[in-house]
């Protein structure tokens, strides 16, 4: 029925408007239409299971027919492919789109949906099309679990727990609660296959400054400039974003490049060619690109050879020639400024020669080396 409009006339009492009886009749007709419309959308709450839903709308229906409409309140979140059986007439599939059946988490506890019955759905078997929800995007588990929060108390390498959070469409927030300098290390894609586009939030909660480290083969491009791999201050957030197989952006604000601290390498020098070592000292820094190392080794020679170990391998970009440079040495108690060191490309062992032309040391008495070296790792 079309809306009934009461004729009011042009001006008061001009005799052209509807009579009281006609006006009252139109009012009744309009209310009857509203009542009928409301009855055409009977509301009920589902029951039974979390896949095979049942319902008893009132007034009851005696057959399914295209165009029937129902307001349905869900009694329990769906856990699989959903069907609905009204008044015992038989189960019909519930669809979130005309071709996609509602499944796990598409029907949400206490959510009210408007369902339209259409006999053409499900290859003409008939079904209900759901209006008023957008499927799993509004599922309760998504609303109740917006992300993963990890409070860590030691150096951390992104791991399988982090990866699971990301692949489960969870936001990942890592808080570093460490009292001394600490690191968050990004592993190779082959170790933890974070998808490209991964976004991870990291903040420094503890007093110790948090910095980011790249496993060999991983590139970190910080927004604050080369070498600026630290979080600038406590409670400051940083964001890392994966943009390539082993390439990440680091958004850590406008900070000065981090100043690397000197690390003691003395005990790990592993010098060879000595019967005894009197002095074995070494410290190095690593700014993420370049390594600076100084070394002093002195002892009693028992071989013509002389090697020691670097803390971080030299870059393969140097090629097979590696690095050759003059250094300050002592051979057979004689001091010379014209020895040399040789580091093969991509190696981590330094060979020391007694002259710049590559002569060997004397296998007796004192031999030593003093050097300071920069190289790209």
Protein backbone atom coordinates (compact mmCIF):
# COMPACT_ATOMS: atom_id res chain seq x y z
CA UNK A 1 0.00 0.00 0.00
CA UNK A 2 1.22 3.48 -0.81
CA UNK A 3 1.51 6.06 1.95
CA UNK A 4 -1.85 7.71 2.72
CA UNK A 5 -1.62 11.52 3.03
CA UNK A 6 -4.40 13.46 4.76
CA UNK A 7 -5.71 16.35 2.65
CA UNK A 8 -5.56 19.55 4.70
CA UNK A 9 -7.01 21.99 2.17
CA UNK A 10 -5.43 25.22 1.01
CA UNK A 11 -6.49 27.36 3.98
CA UNK A 12 -8.36 26.61 7.18
CA UNK A 13 -12.06 25.67 6.73
CA UNK A 14 -12.08 26.13 2.97
CA UNK A 15 -14.00 22.87 2.52
CA UNK A 16 -11.35 21.27 0.29
CA UNK A 17 -9.60 19.05 2.90
CA UNK A 18 -10.43 15.47 3.97
CA UNK A 19 -13.24 14.92 6.46
CA UNK A 20 -12.43 13.62 9.93
CA UNK A 21 -13.57 10.15 8.97
CA UNK A 22 -11.47 10.02 5.82
CA UNK A 23 -8.44 11.40 7.69
CA UNK A 24 -8.85 8.83 10.48
CA UNK A 25 -9.13 6.05 7.90
CA UNK A 26 -5.86 7.12 6.29
CA UNK A 27 -4.16 7.14 9.70
CA UNK A 28 -5.37 3.60 10.38
CA UNK A 29 -4.16 2.43 6.99
CA UNK A 30 -0.69 3.90 7.60
CA UNK A 31 -0.41 2.27 11.02
CA UNK A 32 -1.57 -1.06 9.60
CA UNK A 33 1.20 -0.83 7.01
CA UNK A 34 3.82 -0.09 9.69
CA UNK A 35 2.56 -2.96 11.83
CA UNK A 36 2.61 -5.31 8.89
CA UNK A 37 6.14 -4.21 8.01
CA UNK A 38 7.31 -4.90 11.56
CA UNK A 39 5.62 -8.31 11.54
CA UNK A 40 7.39 -9.08 8.26
CA UNK A 41 10.73 -8.87 10.11
CA UNK A 42 10.10 -11.19 13.06
CA UNK A 43 13.00 -11.27 15.53
CA UNK A 44 14.22 -14.41 17.25
CA UNK A 45 17.36 -15.80 18.87
CA UNK A 46 19.05 -18.84 17.39
CA UNK A 47 19.61 -22.06 19.31
CA UNK A 48 21.09 -25.58 19.12
CA UNK A 49 24.71 -25.58 17.82
CA UNK A 50 27.40 -23.27 16.49
CA UNK A 51 27.05 -24.49 12.91
CA UNK A 52 23.54 -25.97 12.56
CA UNK A 53 21.49 -23.08 13.91
CA UNK A 54 17.75 -23.34 14.54
CA UNK A 55 15.10 -20.67 15.08
CA UNK A 56 11.42 -20.27 15.83
CA UNK A 57 10.21 -16.93 14.48
CA UNK A 58 6.79 -15.76 15.57
CA UNK A 59 4.47 -15.74 13.82
CA UNK A 60 5.73 -19.09 12.55
CA UNK A 61 6.25 -19.70 8.87
CA UNK A 62 4.90 -22.80 7.13
CA UNK A 63 7.17 -22.71 4.10
CA UNK A 64 10.23 -20.89 2.84
CA UNK A 65 9.55 -18.20 0.22
CA UNK A 66 11.74 -15.72 -1.60
CA UNK A 67 11.54 -12.30 0.05
CA UNK A 68 11.02 -13.49 3.61
CA UNK A 69 12.99 -11.34 6.05
CA UNK A 70 14.09 -12.09 9.60
CA UNK A 71 15.90 -10.27 12.40
CA UNK A 72 18.20 -12.90 13.90
CA UNK A 73 20.20 -12.64 17.13
CA UNK A 74 23.08 -15.14 17.29
CA UNK A 75 23.29 -17.22 20.48
CA UNK A 76 26.87 -18.44 19.89
CA UNK A 77 29.68 -17.56 17.51
CA UNK A 78 29.90 -19.80 14.45
CA UNK A 79 32.63 -22.44 14.41
CA UNK A 80 32.16 -23.79 10.89
CA UNK A 81 29.89 -23.72 7.84
CA UNK A 82 26.59 -22.26 9.07
CA UNK A 83 23.03 -23.35 8.29
CA UNK A 84 19.69 -22.22 9.69
CA UNK A 85 16.53 -24.30 10.17
CA UNK A 86 13.37 -22.26 10.84
CA UNK A 87 10.26 -23.82 12.39
CA UNK A 88 11.56 -27.29 11.48
CA UNK A 89 11.25 -26.67 7.73
CA UNK A 90 14.78 -27.87 6.98
CA UNK A 91 18.31 -26.49 7.20
CA UNK A 92 19.34 -23.87 4.64
CA UNK A 93 22.81 -22.41 4.20
CA UNK A 94 23.57 -18.90 5.51
CA UNK A 95 25.56 -16.76 3.07
CA UNK A 96 27.72 -13.67 3.71
CA UNK A 97 27.72 -12.99 -0.04
CA UNK A 98 25.55 -14.64 -2.69
CA UNK A 99 28.32 -17.18 -3.31
CA UNK A 100 30.12 -17.46 0.07
CA UNK A 101 28.66 -19.48 2.92
CA UNK A 102 29.08 -18.13 6.44
CA UNK A 103 31.82 -20.00 8.27
CA UNK A 104 34.00 -19.80 11.38
CA UNK A 105 33.57 -16.44 13.21
CA UNK A 106 31.27 -15.00 10.53
CA UNK A 107 28.29 -15.14 12.89
CA UNK A 108 29.14 -13.32 16.11
CA UNK A 109 27.71 -13.83 19.59
CA UNK A 110 24.81 -11.42 20.34
CA UNK A 111 25.12 -9.77 16.92
CA UNK A 112 21.77 -9.07 15.23
CA UNK A 113 21.63 -9.78 11.50
CA UNK A 114 18.95 -9.19 8.91
CA UNK A 115 18.49 -12.38 6.85
CA UNK A 116 16.70 -12.50 3.50
CA UNK A 117 15.52 -15.83 2.14
CA UNK A 118 16.19 -16.36 -1.57
CA UNK A 119 15.23 -19.60 -3.32
CA UNK A 120 17.89 -18.95 -6.00
CA UNK A 121 20.80 -19.27 -3.56
CA UNK A 122 22.83 -22.47 -3.19
CA UNK A 123 22.21 -23.57 -6.79
CA UNK A 124 18.43 -23.06 -6.38
CA UNK A 125 18.32 -25.10 -3.15
CA UNK A 126 17.51 -21.87 -1.32
CA UNK A 127 19.33 -20.06 1.47
CA UNK A 128 19.59 -17.00 3.67
CA UNK A 129 21.62 -13.93 2.65
CA UNK A 130 23.07 -12.11 5.67
CA UNK A 131 22.85 -8.31 5.94
CA UNK A 132 24.26 -6.31 8.86
CA UNK A 133 27.66 -7.93 9.34
CA UNK A 134 30.86 -8.17 7.37
CA UNK A 135 31.87 -11.68 8.21
CA UNK A 136 35.08 -12.53 10.01
CA UNK A 137 36.23 -8.91 9.86
CA UNK A 138 34.03 -8.18 12.88
CA UNK A 139 34.39 -11.54 14.58
CA UNK A 140 34.68 -11.50 18.36
CA UNK A 141 38.15 -12.99 18.35
CA UNK A 142 39.32 -10.05 16.25
CA UNK A 143 37.62 -7.51 18.47
CA UNK A 144 38.97 -9.06 21.67
CA UNK A 145 42.51 -9.69 20.44
CA UNK A 146 43.90 -6.72 18.61
CA UNK A 147 47.56 -7.68 18.91
CA UNK A 148 50.44 -9.36 20.69
CA UNK A 149 52.42 -7.58 23.40
CA UNK A 150 55.84 -8.93 24.40
CA UNK A 151 57.81 -7.46 27.31
CA UNK A 152 61.39 -8.71 27.02
CA UNK A 153 64.23 -8.47 29.52
CA UNK A 154 67.22 -9.46 27.38
CA UNK A 155 68.58 -9.12 23.86
CA UNK A 156 66.04 -10.43 21.38
CA UNK A 157 66.18 -11.95 17.90
CA UNK A 158 62.86 -11.93 16.06
CA UNK A 159 61.60 -15.50 16.43
CA UNK A 160 58.83 -17.94 15.65
CA UNK A 161 56.51 -16.43 18.26
CA UNK A 162 56.81 -13.06 16.54
CA UNK A 163 56.25 -14.67 13.15
CA UNK A 164 53.10 -16.45 14.37
CA UNK A 165 51.68 -13.13 15.59
CA UNK A 166 52.27 -11.52 12.21
CA UNK A 167 50.91 -14.41 10.13
CA UNK A 168 47.81 -14.50 12.37
CA UNK A 169 47.05 -10.88 11.37
CA UNK A 170 47.93 -9.60 14.84
CA UNK A 171 49.67 -6.33 15.61
CA UNK A 172 53.05 -7.03 17.24
CA UNK A 173 54.40 -4.70 19.93
CA UNK A 174 57.77 -5.48 21.54
CA UNK A 175 58.83 -3.67 24.71
CA UNK A 176 62.52 -3.89 25.69
CA UNK A 177 62.70 -3.71 29.48
CA UNK A 178 66.47 -4.02 29.95
CA UNK A 179 68.70 -2.06 32.31
CA UNK A 180 71.79 -2.08 30.08
CA UNK A 181 72.40 -1.59 26.36
CA UNK A 182 70.42 -4.18 24.42
CA UNK A 183 69.62 -5.22 20.87
CA UNK A 184 66.77 -6.40 18.67
CA UNK A 185 68.21 -8.53 15.88
CA UNK A 186 66.52 -9.07 12.52
CA UNK A 187 67.20 -12.59 11.19
CA UNK A 188 67.50 -13.76 7.62
CA UNK A 189 64.29 -14.48 5.74
CA UNK A 190 65.46 -18.08 5.45
CA UNK A 191 65.41 -18.32 9.26
CA UNK A 192 62.12 -16.51 9.96
CA UNK A 193 60.06 -15.86 6.84
CA UNK A 194 58.21 -12.68 7.77
CA UNK A 195 56.03 -11.64 4.82
CA UNK A 196 56.91 -8.47 2.96
CA UNK A 197 54.87 -5.65 4.46
CA UNK A 198 55.36 -6.88 8.03
CA UNK A 199 55.17 -4.02 10.54
CA UNK A 200 56.62 -4.47 14.05
CA UNK A 201 56.52 -1.83 16.80
CA UNK A 202 59.42 -1.69 19.27
CA UNK A 203 59.93 0.63 22.23
CA UNK A 204 62.62 1.06 24.88
CA UNK A 205 61.06 0.75 28.33
CA UNK A 206 64.15 0.02 30.42
CA UNK A 207 67.09 2.36 31.07
CA UNK A 208 69.34 0.50 28.63
CA UNK A 209 69.38 1.90 25.11
CA UNK A 210 67.85 -0.39 22.50
CA UNK A 211 69.53 -0.75 19.10
CA UNK A 212 68.72 -2.81 16.04
CA UNK A 213 71.14 -5.34 14.57
CA UNK A 214 71.03 -6.97 11.16
CA UNK A 215 72.08 -10.57 10.79
CA UNK A 216 74.65 -10.98 8.02
CA UNK A 217 72.82 -10.65 4.71
CA UNK A 218 70.07 -8.43 6.14
CA UNK A 219 69.90 -4.70 5.34
CA UNK A 220 68.34 -2.13 7.68
CA UNK A 221 67.67 1.33 6.25
CA UNK A 222 67.10 3.75 9.16
CA UNK A 223 65.08 6.92 8.66
CA UNK A 224 67.55 8.86 10.80
CA UNK A 225 70.45 8.16 8.43
CA UNK A 226 73.24 5.58 8.00
CA UNK A 227 74.34 4.01 11.26
CA UNK A 228 71.41 5.44 13.24
CA UNK A 229 70.19 2.06 14.43
CA UNK A 230 69.29 3.01 18.00
CA UNK A 231 66.07 4.11 19.66
CA UNK A 232 66.93 7.69 20.69
CA UNK A 233 65.44 7.73 24.18
CA UNK A 234 63.43 5.84 26.75
CA UNK A 235 59.72 5.32 25.98
CA UNK A 236 60.30 6.33 22.36
CA UNK A 237 58.66 4.05 19.79
CA UNK A 238 60.37 2.71 16.68
CA UNK A 239 58.83 0.84 13.77
CA UNK A 240 60.48 -1.70 11.47
CA UNK A 241 58.87 -2.58 8.13
CA UNK A 242 59.93 -5.43 5.86
CA UNK A 243 60.19 -4.17 2.27
CA UNK A 244 62.24 -6.91 0.62
CA UNK A 245 63.33 -10.50 1.15
CA UNK A 246 66.08 -9.40 3.53
CA UNK A 247 65.56 -5.63 3.58
CA UNK A 248 63.82 -3.61 6.30
CA UNK A 249 63.08 0.05 6.95
CA UNK A 250 63.62 1.41 10.44
CA UNK A 251 61.56 4.45 11.42
CA UNK A 252 63.23 5.68 14.59
CA UNK A 253 62.74 9.43 14.43
CA UNK A 254 65.29 12.14 13.79
CA UNK A 255 68.25 11.03 15.85
CA UNK A 256 71.97 11.36 15.64
CA UNK A 257 73.79 8.27 14.41
CA UNK A 258 74.46 5.92 17.28
CA UNK A 259 77.98 6.05 18.69
CA UNK A 260 79.24 2.47 18.96
CA UNK A 261 81.01 1.45 22.14
CA UNK A 262 84.36 -0.28 22.26
CA UNK A 263 84.16 -4.03 22.75
CA UNK A 264 86.98 -6.06 24.30
CA UNK A 265 88.26 -8.71 21.84
CA UNK A 266 91.52 -9.49 23.65
CA UNK A 267 90.63 -12.97 24.86
CA UNK A 268 89.45 -14.04 21.40
CA UNK A 269 92.41 -12.92 19.27
CA UNK A 270 93.70 -16.52 19.01
CA UNK A 271 97.25 -15.61 17.86
CA UNK A 272 99.34 -18.36 16.26
CA UNK A 273 103.13 -18.74 15.92
CA UNK A 274 104.06 -18.23 19.60
CA UNK A 275 105.44 -20.48 22.28
CA UNK A 276 104.15 -17.90 24.77
CA UNK A 277 102.25 -14.61 24.51
CA UNK A 278 103.24 -11.80 26.86
CA UNK A 279 100.70 -9.19 25.67
CA UNK A 280 97.39 -9.79 23.92
CA UNK A 281 95.16 -6.71 23.68
CA UNK A 282 92.39 -5.77 21.27
CA UNK A 283 89.22 -3.66 21.17
CA UNK A 284 86.81 -2.97 18.34
CA UNK A 285 83.67 -1.00 17.44
CA UNK A 286 80.93 -1.86 14.96
CA UNK A 287 78.62 0.89 13.65
CA UNK A 288 76.61 -1.52 11.52
CA UNK A 289 78.68 -0.94 8.39
CA UNK A 290 82.34 -0.41 9.37
CA UNK A 291 84.49 -2.18 11.94
CA UNK A 292 87.36 -0.36 13.67
CA UNK A 293 89.87 -2.56 15.50
CA UNK A 294 93.17 -1.96 17.25
CA UNK A 295 95.52 -4.77 18.22
CA UNK A 296 98.75 -5.28 20.17
CA UNK A 297 100.20 -8.78 20.34
CA UNK A 298 103.71 -9.57 21.62
CA UNK A 299 105.39 -12.82 22.64
CA UNK A 300 108.08 -15.42 22.02
CA UNK A 301 108.11 -16.81 18.49
CA UNK A 302 108.23 -20.52 17.77
CA UNK A 303 107.16 -20.39 14.09
CA UNK A 304 107.70 -18.35 10.95
CA UNK A 305 103.99 -17.73 10.59
CA UNK A 306 101.85 -15.22 12.54
CA UNK A 307 98.05 -14.92 12.44
CA UNK A 308 95.21 -13.66 14.61
CA UNK A 309 91.40 -13.55 14.34
CA UNK A 310 89.12 -10.61 13.52
CA UNK A 311 85.93 -10.15 15.56
CA UNK A 312 83.77 -9.72 12.41
CA UNK A 313 84.56 -11.07 8.94
CA UNK A 314 85.55 -8.63 6.23
CA UNK A 315 83.10 -7.95 3.40
CA UNK A 316 83.32 -10.15 0.30
CA UNK A 317 83.17 -6.92 -1.75
CA UNK A 318 86.94 -6.61 -1.26
CA UNK A 319 87.41 -9.65 -3.50
CA UNK A 320 90.24 -12.16 -3.30
CA UNK A 321 92.84 -9.41 -2.81
CA UNK A 322 91.37 -8.42 0.55
CA UNK A 323 93.32 -5.76 2.47
CA UNK A 324 97.11 -5.33 2.55
CA UNK A 325 98.63 -2.57 4.67
CA UNK A 326 101.94 -1.73 6.43
CA UNK A 327 102.03 -2.11 10.21
CA UNK A 328 104.42 -1.67 13.11
CA UNK A 329 106.12 -5.02 13.90
CA UNK A 330 108.97 -6.59 15.82
CA UNK A 331 110.85 -9.63 14.47
CA UNK A 332 113.64 -11.44 16.34
CA UNK A 333 113.75 -8.52 18.83
CA UNK A 334 114.30 -6.03 15.95
CA UNK A 335 111.64 -3.32 15.60
CA UNK A 336 110.51 -2.20 12.12
CA UNK A 337 107.71 0.01 10.84
CA UNK A 338 107.54 -1.88 7.57
CA UNK A 339 105.84 -5.14 8.24
CA UNK A 340 102.44 -5.79 6.74
CA UNK A 341 99.12 -7.49 7.39
CA UNK A 342 97.04 -9.36 4.82
CA UNK A 343 93.31 -10.07 5.18
CA UNK A 344 91.84 -12.25 2.47
CA UNK A 345 88.46 -11.21 1.05
CA UNK A 346 85.47 -12.42 3.12
CA UNK A 347 87.88 -13.83 5.69
CA UNK A 348 88.25 -13.38 9.41
CA UNK A 349 91.93 -14.34 9.86
CA UNK A 350 94.76 -11.80 9.60
CA UNK A 351 98.19 -12.88 8.40
CA UNK A 352 101.16 -10.80 9.63
CA UNK A 353 104.39 -10.64 7.58
CA UNK A 354 107.70 -9.28 8.81
CA UNK A 355 108.25 -7.07 5.73
CA UNK A 356 106.08 -5.28 3.19
CA UNK A 357 107.20 -7.82 0.59
CA UNK A 358 105.79 -10.71 2.57
CA UNK A 359 108.79 -12.24 4.37
CA UNK A 360 108.22 -14.71 7.20
CA UNK A 361 109.11 -14.16 10.84
CA UNK A 362 112.02 -15.72 12.69
CA UNK A 363 110.97 -18.75 14.69
CA UNK A 364 112.71 -17.47 17.81
CA UNK A 365 112.92 -14.53 20.20
CA UNK A 366 110.34 -11.72 20.29
CA UNK A 367 107.81 -10.92 17.59
CA UNK A 368 104.91 -8.47 17.80
CA UNK A 369 102.38 -6.40 15.86
CA UNK A 370 100.64 -3.09 16.61
CA UNK A 371 97.89 -1.87 14.31
CA UNK A 372 94.69 0.14 13.94
CA UNK A 373 92.40 -0.84 11.08
CA UNK A 374 89.08 0.14 9.52
CA UNK A 375 87.25 -2.24 7.22
CA UNK A 376 83.77 -2.86 5.85
CA UNK A 377 82.14 -5.92 7.30
